Amino acid sequence: MSYSIDAGVKAIFFLALISVTYPVHTQAAGSKKAPAFPIQLRGIWQGGREPCKHPGNMDSDSRIEIHSNKIFGYEDSSELISILKISSNPTAWKVHSKLDLGDSYFVDEYLIYVLSGEHLTVIDDRALPFTYTSCH
């Protein structure tokens, strides 16, 4: 399988390799404000680079819904623990979340989210990218 990645996304790979496995702490000590995904990340995203109309393919295992502090996938969900903006061009965030795989099985995830136009590329700790398209 071949990936087509924007040049800006490629530039973020180095940051991803260095920073994705280290915890992020963005809340001040004693702060009660919960972390939240930025508005531009919230909504429905469909895996791939093809145009997507709302609500996307409901049966797809590559469809995600990003809410203020949760992500809902096909068979899983994640709760946002922390988020830190690490780049403005392209816009990128380091995200720490708790992935709920069901049956009381949770996994800490450290990911990089890179937003480039209508495309969101998520990079995991092995620097493997997966691109989503915003559904309008």
N, C-alpha and C. Protein backbone atom coordinates (compact mmCIF):
# COMPACT_ATOMS: atom_id res chain seq x y z
N MET A 1 0.85 -1.17 0.00
CA MET A 1 0.00 0.00 0.00
C MET A 1 0.90 1.23 0.00
N SER A 2 0.54 2.22 -0.78
CA SER A 2 1.31 3.45 -0.89
C SER A 2 0.54 4.60 -0.25
N TYR A 3 1.27 5.45 0.47
CA TYR A 3 0.66 6.61 1.10
C TYR A 3 1.09 7.86 0.36
N SER A 4 0.16 8.76 0.14
CA SER A 4 0.45 10.07 -0.43
C SER A 4 0.33 11.08 0.70
N ILE A 5 1.45 11.70 1.06
CA ILE A 5 1.49 12.56 2.22
C ILE A 5 1.96 13.95 1.81
N ASP A 6 1.28 14.99 2.31
CA ASP A 6 1.69 16.36 2.06
C ASP A 6 3.09 16.60 2.61
N ALA A 7 3.82 17.53 1.99
CA ALA A 7 5.18 17.85 2.43
C ALA A 7 5.21 18.31 3.88
N GLY A 8 4.21 19.08 4.29
CA GLY A 8 4.16 19.55 5.67
C GLY A 8 4.00 18.42 6.66
N VAL A 9 3.24 17.41 6.27
CA VAL A 9 3.05 16.25 7.13
C VAL A 9 4.38 15.51 7.28
N LYS A 10 5.12 15.40 6.22
CA LYS A 10 6.43 14.75 6.28
C LYS A 10 7.35 15.46 7.27
N ALA A 11 7.26 16.79 7.30
CA ALA A 11 8.09 17.56 8.22
C ALA A 11 7.75 17.26 9.67
N ILE A 12 6.52 16.87 9.94
CA ILE A 12 6.09 16.57 11.30
C ILE A 12 6.60 15.20 11.75
N PHE A 13 6.94 14.30 10.82
CA PHE A 13 7.39 12.96 11.20
C PHE A 13 8.54 13.00 12.20
N PHE A 14 9.49 13.90 12.00
CA PHE A 14 10.61 13.99 12.92
C PHE A 14 10.12 14.30 14.33
N LEU A 15 9.21 15.27 14.44
CA LEU A 15 8.64 15.59 15.74
C LEU A 15 7.90 14.39 16.32
N ALA A 16 7.21 13.67 15.46
CA ALA A 16 6.45 12.51 15.92
C ALA A 16 7.38 11.45 16.49
N LEU A 17 8.47 11.19 15.82
CA LEU A 17 9.40 10.17 16.28
C LEU A 17 10.00 10.52 17.63
N ILE A 18 10.27 11.80 17.83
CA ILE A 18 10.88 12.23 19.08
C ILE A 18 9.88 12.34 20.21
N SER A 19 8.69 12.89 19.91
CA SER A 19 7.81 13.29 20.99
C SER A 19 6.61 12.41 21.26
N VAL A 20 6.23 11.54 20.37
CA VAL A 20 4.95 10.85 20.54
C VAL A 20 4.92 9.89 21.72
N THR A 21 6.03 9.37 22.15
CA THR A 21 6.01 8.40 23.24
C THR A 21 6.18 9.02 24.62
N TYR A 22 6.31 10.33 24.68
CA TYR A 22 6.48 10.99 25.97
C TYR A 22 5.18 11.62 26.42
N PRO A 23 4.82 11.49 27.69
CA PRO A 23 3.57 12.06 28.17
C PRO A 23 3.53 13.58 27.99
N VAL A 24 2.33 14.09 27.82
CA VAL A 24 2.09 15.51 27.67
C VAL A 24 1.30 15.98 28.88
N HIS A 25 1.72 17.08 29.47
CA HIS A 25 0.98 17.67 30.58
C HIS A 25 0.70 19.11 30.21
N THR A 26 -0.57 19.43 29.94
CA THR A 26 -0.90 20.77 29.50
C THR A 26 -1.72 21.54 30.52
N GLN A 27 -2.16 20.91 31.56
CA GLN A 27 -2.98 21.58 32.56
C GLN A 27 -2.10 22.06 33.71
N ALA A 28 -2.35 23.28 34.17
CA ALA A 28 -1.64 23.80 35.32
C ALA A 28 -2.06 23.03 36.56
N ALA A 29 -1.15 22.96 37.54
CA ALA A 29 -1.47 22.26 38.78
C ALA A 29 -2.72 22.88 39.40
N GLY A 30 -3.66 22.04 39.79
CA GLY A 30 -4.88 22.51 40.41
C GLY A 30 -5.94 22.98 39.44
N SER A 31 -5.65 22.96 38.16
CA SER A 31 -6.61 23.42 37.15
C SER A 31 -7.75 22.41 37.03
N LYS A 32 -8.97 22.92 36.95
CA LYS A 32 -10.15 22.06 36.83
C LYS A 32 -10.63 21.95 35.39
N LYS A 33 -10.08 22.75 34.48
CA LYS A 33 -10.53 22.75 33.09
C LYS A 33 -10.06 21.47 32.39
N ALA A 34 -11.02 20.76 31.81
CA ALA A 34 -10.71 19.52 31.10
C ALA A 34 -10.09 19.85 29.74
N PRO A 35 -9.16 19.02 29.27
CA PRO A 35 -8.59 19.24 27.94
C PRO A 35 -9.67 19.04 26.88
N ALA A 36 -9.53 19.75 25.75
CA ALA A 36 -10.52 19.64 24.68
C ALA A 36 -9.84 19.71 23.32
N PHE A 37 -10.40 18.96 22.38
CA PHE A 37 -9.91 19.05 21.00
C PHE A 37 -10.29 20.42 20.44
N PRO A 38 -9.39 21.03 19.66
CA PRO A 38 -9.72 22.30 19.01
C PRO A 38 -10.93 22.13 18.08
N ILE A 39 -11.66 23.21 17.88
CA ILE A 39 -12.87 23.19 17.03
C ILE A 39 -12.56 22.62 15.66
N GLN A 40 -11.42 22.96 15.07
CA GLN A 40 -11.13 22.52 13.71
C GLN A 40 -10.92 21.00 13.59
N LEU A 41 -10.74 20.30 14.71
CA LEU A 41 -10.63 18.84 14.68
C LEU A 41 -11.96 18.15 14.93
N ARG A 42 -12.90 18.85 15.49
CA ARG A 42 -14.18 18.23 15.86
C ARG A 42 -15.03 17.99 14.62
N GLY A 43 -15.71 16.86 14.63
CA GLY A 43 -16.59 16.52 13.53
C GLY A 43 -16.39 15.08 13.09
N ILE A 44 -16.88 14.78 11.91
CA ILE A 44 -16.81 13.42 11.37
C ILE A 44 -15.71 13.36 10.31
N TRP A 45 -14.89 12.33 10.41
CA TRP A 45 -13.76 12.13 9.51
C TRP A 45 -13.84 10.71 8.95
N GLN A 46 -13.61 10.59 7.65
CA GLN A 46 -13.64 9.30 6.97
C GLN A 46 -12.23 8.97 6.50
N GLY A 47 -11.81 7.73 6.73
CA GLY A 47 -10.47 7.30 6.30
C GLY A 47 -10.29 7.44 4.81
N GLY A 48 -9.11 7.92 4.40
CA GLY A 48 -8.78 8.10 2.99
C GLY A 48 -8.82 9.56 2.59
N ARG A 49 -8.55 9.81 1.32
CA ARG A 49 -8.48 11.18 0.81
C ARG A 49 -9.63 11.54 -0.11
N GLU A 50 -10.59 10.64 -0.28
CA GLU A 50 -11.74 10.92 -1.14
C GLU A 50 -12.69 11.90 -0.46
N PRO A 51 -13.38 12.74 -1.23
CA PRO A 51 -14.36 13.66 -0.63
C PRO A 51 -15.40 12.87 0.18
N CYS A 52 -15.89 13.50 1.24
CA CYS A 52 -16.83 12.82 2.14
C CYS A 52 -17.99 13.75 2.46
N LYS A 53 -19.19 13.23 2.33
CA LYS A 53 -20.40 13.98 2.69
C LYS A 53 -20.90 13.48 4.04
N HIS A 54 -21.40 14.40 4.84
CA HIS A 54 -21.94 14.07 6.16
C HIS A 54 -23.07 13.07 6.02
N PRO A 55 -23.19 12.01 6.74
CA PRO A 55 -22.44 11.62 7.93
C PRO A 55 -21.29 10.66 7.65
N GLY A 56 -20.85 10.54 6.41
CA GLY A 56 -19.82 9.56 6.09
C GLY A 56 -20.41 8.17 6.00
N ASN A 57 -19.57 7.19 5.83
CA ASN A 57 -20.01 5.79 5.73
C ASN A 57 -20.14 5.21 7.13
N MET A 58 -21.37 5.07 7.60
CA MET A 58 -21.63 4.60 8.97
C MET A 58 -21.12 3.18 9.22
N ASP A 59 -20.93 2.39 8.16
CA ASP A 59 -20.46 1.01 8.31
C ASP A 59 -18.95 0.88 8.19
N SER A 60 -18.26 1.98 7.94
CA SER A 60 -16.82 1.93 7.73
C SER A 60 -16.07 1.81 9.05
N ASP A 61 -15.04 0.97 9.06
CA ASP A 61 -14.22 0.88 10.26
C ASP A 61 -13.14 1.96 10.28
N SER A 62 -13.13 2.85 9.27
CA SER A 62 -12.17 3.95 9.27
C SER A 62 -12.87 5.31 9.44
N ARG A 63 -14.07 5.31 9.96
CA ARG A 63 -14.82 6.54 10.24
C ARG A 63 -14.66 6.87 11.71
N ILE A 64 -14.36 8.13 12.02
CA ILE A 64 -14.27 8.56 13.41
C ILE A 64 -15.08 9.84 13.61
N GLU A 65 -15.58 10.01 14.83
CA GLU A 65 -16.26 11.23 15.25
C GLU A 65 -15.45 11.83 16.38
N ILE A 66 -14.97 13.05 16.17
CA ILE A 66 -14.21 13.74 17.21
C ILE A 66 -15.14 14.75 17.88
N HIS A 67 -15.30 14.60 19.20
CA HIS A 67 -16.09 15.52 20.02
C HIS A 67 -15.13 16.35 20.86
N SER A 68 -15.62 17.11 21.80
CA SER A 68 -14.75 17.99 22.57
C SER A 68 -13.66 17.24 23.34
N ASN A 69 -13.99 16.09 23.90
CA ASN A 69 -12.98 15.35 24.66
C ASN A 69 -13.03 13.84 24.42
N LYS A 70 -13.74 13.42 23.38
CA LYS A 70 -13.83 11.99 23.05
C LYS A 70 -13.78 11.78 21.55
N ILE A 71 -13.31 10.59 21.19
CA ILE A 71 -13.33 10.15 19.80
C ILE A 71 -14.07 8.82 19.77
N PHE A 72 -15.01 8.71 18.85
CA PHE A 72 -15.76 7.47 18.69
C PHE A 72 -15.40 6.86 17.35
N GLY A 73 -14.92 5.61 17.38
CA GLY A 73 -14.61 4.87 16.17
C GLY A 73 -15.64 3.80 15.93
N TYR A 74 -15.34 2.90 15.01
CA TYR A 74 -16.27 1.84 14.63
C TYR A 74 -16.55 0.89 15.80
N GLU A 75 -15.48 0.44 16.47
CA GLU A 75 -15.64 -0.50 17.58
C GLU A 75 -14.90 -0.07 18.84
N ASP A 76 -14.51 1.19 18.91
CA ASP A 76 -13.77 1.66 20.07
C ASP A 76 -14.07 3.13 20.32
N SER A 77 -13.55 3.63 21.42
CA SER A 77 -13.65 5.05 21.73
C SER A 77 -12.41 5.44 22.52
N SER A 78 -12.11 6.74 22.51
CA SER A 78 -10.96 7.26 23.23
C SER A 78 -11.38 8.48 24.01
N GLU A 79 -10.82 8.64 25.19
CA GLU A 79 -11.04 9.84 25.98
C GLU A 79 -9.75 10.65 26.00
N LEU A 80 -9.87 11.93 25.71
CA LEU A 80 -8.71 12.82 25.67
C LEU A 80 -8.17 13.03 27.07
N ILE A 81 -6.87 12.81 27.22
CA ILE A 81 -6.18 13.06 28.49
C ILE A 81 -5.49 14.42 28.44
N SER A 82 -4.77 14.68 27.32
CA SER A 82 -4.10 15.97 27.15
C SER A 82 -3.84 16.21 25.67
N ILE A 83 -3.67 17.49 25.33
CA ILE A 83 -3.39 17.88 23.95
C ILE A 83 -2.49 19.11 23.99
N LEU A 84 -1.50 19.13 23.11
CA LEU A 84 -0.53 20.23 23.05
C LEU A 84 -0.25 20.56 21.60
N LYS A 85 -0.46 21.82 21.22
CA LYS A 85 -0.15 22.24 19.85
C LYS A 85 1.36 22.28 19.71
N ILE A 86 1.89 21.60 18.68
CA ILE A 86 3.34 21.53 18.50
C ILE A 86 3.82 22.18 17.21
N SER A 87 2.89 22.59 16.34
CA SER A 87 3.27 23.22 15.08
C SER A 87 2.12 24.06 14.56
N SER A 88 2.47 25.17 13.90
CA SER A 88 1.45 26.02 13.29
C SER A 88 1.37 25.85 11.78
N ASN A 89 2.43 25.38 11.16
CA ASN A 89 2.43 25.19 9.71
C ASN A 89 3.23 23.96 9.33
N PRO A 90 2.59 22.82 9.15
CA PRO A 90 1.15 22.58 9.25
C PRO A 90 0.73 22.57 10.72
N THR A 91 -0.55 22.75 10.95
CA THR A 91 -1.06 22.73 12.31
C THR A 91 -1.02 21.29 12.83
N ALA A 92 -0.36 21.12 13.98
CA ALA A 92 -0.19 19.76 14.52
C ALA A 92 -0.29 19.80 16.04
N TRP A 93 -0.80 18.71 16.59
CA TRP A 93 -0.96 18.55 18.02
C TRP A 93 -0.41 17.20 18.46
N LYS A 94 0.12 17.18 19.66
CA LYS A 94 0.51 15.94 20.32
C LYS A 94 -0.65 15.57 21.23
N VAL A 95 -1.20 14.38 21.05
CA VAL A 95 -2.43 13.97 21.75
C VAL A 95 -2.15 12.73 22.60
N HIS A 96 -2.56 12.81 23.85
CA HIS A 96 -2.52 11.65 24.75
C HIS A 96 -3.97 11.31 25.06
N SER A 97 -4.36 10.08 24.77
CA SER A 97 -5.73 9.65 25.04
C SER A 97 -5.74 8.25 25.63
N LYS A 98 -6.87 7.90 26.20
CA LYS A 98 -7.07 6.56 26.78
C LYS A 98 -8.04 5.84 25.86
N LEU A 99 -7.53 4.83 25.13
CA LEU A 99 -8.32 4.05 24.19
C LEU A 99 -9.07 2.95 24.92
N ASP A 100 -10.39 2.94 24.76
CA ASP A 100 -11.25 1.93 25.37
C ASP A 100 -11.58 0.89 24.30
N LEU A 101 -11.02 -0.31 24.46
CA LEU A 101 -11.23 -1.40 23.51
C LEU A 101 -12.33 -2.36 23.97
N GLY A 102 -13.02 -2.00 25.02
CA GLY A 102 -14.10 -2.85 25.52
C GLY A 102 -13.60 -3.88 26.52
N ASP A 103 -14.51 -4.53 27.19
CA ASP A 103 -14.19 -5.56 28.19
C ASP A 103 -13.17 -5.06 29.22
N SER A 104 -13.31 -3.80 29.62
CA SER A 104 -12.42 -3.18 30.62
C SER A 104 -10.96 -3.20 30.19
N TYR A 105 -10.71 -3.09 28.88
CA TYR A 105 -9.35 -3.08 28.36
C TYR A 105 -9.05 -1.68 27.82
N PHE A 106 -8.11 -0.97 28.47
CA PHE A 106 -7.76 0.39 28.11
C PHE A 106 -6.28 0.46 27.75
N VAL A 107 -5.96 1.33 26.79
CA VAL A 107 -4.58 1.51 26.34
C VAL A 107 -4.29 3.00 26.26
N ASP A 108 -3.13 3.42 26.80
CA ASP A 108 -2.69 4.80 26.62
C ASP A 108 -2.17 4.96 25.20
N GLU A 109 -2.66 6.00 24.52
CA GLU A 109 -2.20 6.29 23.16
C GLU A 109 -1.51 7.65 23.15
N TYR A 110 -0.38 7.72 22.45
CA TYR A 110 0.33 8.97 22.23
C TYR A 110 0.43 9.13 20.72
N LEU A 111 -0.27 10.12 20.18
CA LEU A 111 -0.39 10.29 18.74
C LEU A 111 -0.07 11.73 18.35
N ILE A 112 0.25 11.93 17.08
CA ILE A 112 0.40 13.25 16.50
C ILE A 112 -0.74 13.43 15.51
N TYR A 113 -1.47 14.55 15.62
CA TYR A 113 -2.55 14.89 14.69
C TYR A 113 -2.05 16.07 13.85
N VAL A 114 -2.07 15.91 12.53
CA VAL A 114 -1.63 16.96 11.62
C VAL A 114 -2.79 17.32 10.71
N LEU A 115 -3.19 18.61 10.74
CA LEU A 115 -4.30 19.08 9.94
C LEU A 115 -3.76 19.86 8.75
N SER A 116 -4.17 19.44 7.55
CA SER A 116 -3.75 20.10 6.32
C SER A 116 -4.98 20.21 5.42
N GLY A 117 -5.61 21.39 5.43
CA GLY A 117 -6.83 21.59 4.66
C GLY A 117 -7.95 20.71 5.19
N GLU A 118 -8.53 19.90 4.32
CA GLU A 118 -9.62 18.99 4.68
C GLU A 118 -9.12 17.63 5.16
N HIS A 119 -7.80 17.49 5.31
CA HIS A 119 -7.23 16.19 5.66
C HIS A 119 -6.59 16.22 7.04
N LEU A 120 -6.85 15.18 7.81
CA LEU A 120 -6.27 14.99 9.12
C LEU A 120 -5.43 13.73 9.06
N THR A 121 -4.13 13.87 9.31
CA THR A 121 -3.25 12.71 9.34
C THR A 121 -2.90 12.42 10.79
N VAL A 122 -3.11 11.18 11.20
CA VAL A 122 -2.80 10.75 12.56
C VAL A 122 -1.58 9.84 12.46
N ILE A 123 -0.57 10.17 13.28
CA ILE A 123 0.70 9.43 13.26
C ILE A 123 0.86 8.75 14.61
N ASP A 124 1.09 7.44 14.59
CA ASP A 124 1.23 6.70 15.84
C ASP A 124 2.70 6.65 16.28
N ASP A 125 2.98 5.91 17.36
CA ASP A 125 4.33 5.87 17.91
C ASP A 125 5.34 5.14 17.03
N ARG A 126 4.88 4.50 15.98
CA ARG A 126 5.79 3.87 15.02
C ARG A 126 5.94 4.77 13.79
N ALA A 127 5.39 5.99 13.87
CA ALA A 127 5.39 6.98 12.79
C ALA A 127 4.68 6.46 11.55
N LEU A 128 3.64 5.64 11.76
CA LEU A 128 2.80 5.17 10.66
C LEU A 128 1.62 6.12 10.52
N PRO A 129 1.50 6.78 9.36
CA PRO A 129 0.41 7.75 9.19
C PRO A 129 -0.87 7.11 8.67
N PHE A 130 -1.99 7.69 9.07
CA PHE A 130 -3.28 7.33 8.52
C PHE A 130 -4.03 8.63 8.29
N THR A 131 -4.53 8.84 7.08
CA THR A 131 -5.17 10.10 6.72
C THR A 131 -6.68 9.95 6.64
N TYR A 132 -7.37 10.96 7.17
CA TYR A 132 -8.83 11.06 7.14
C TYR A 132 -9.23 12.30 6.37
N THR A 133 -10.44 12.30 5.82
CA THR A 133 -11.00 13.47 5.15
C THR A 133 -12.23 13.93 5.92
N SER A 134 -12.36 15.23 6.08
CA SER A 134 -13.50 15.81 6.79
C SER A 134 -14.78 15.56 6.01
N CYS A 135 -15.84 15.16 6.71
CA CYS A 135 -17.13 14.93 6.08
C CYS A 135 -18.01 16.17 6.28
N HIS A 136 -18.47 16.75 5.19
CA HIS A 136 -19.31 17.97 5.24
C HIS A 136 -20.73 17.66 4.86
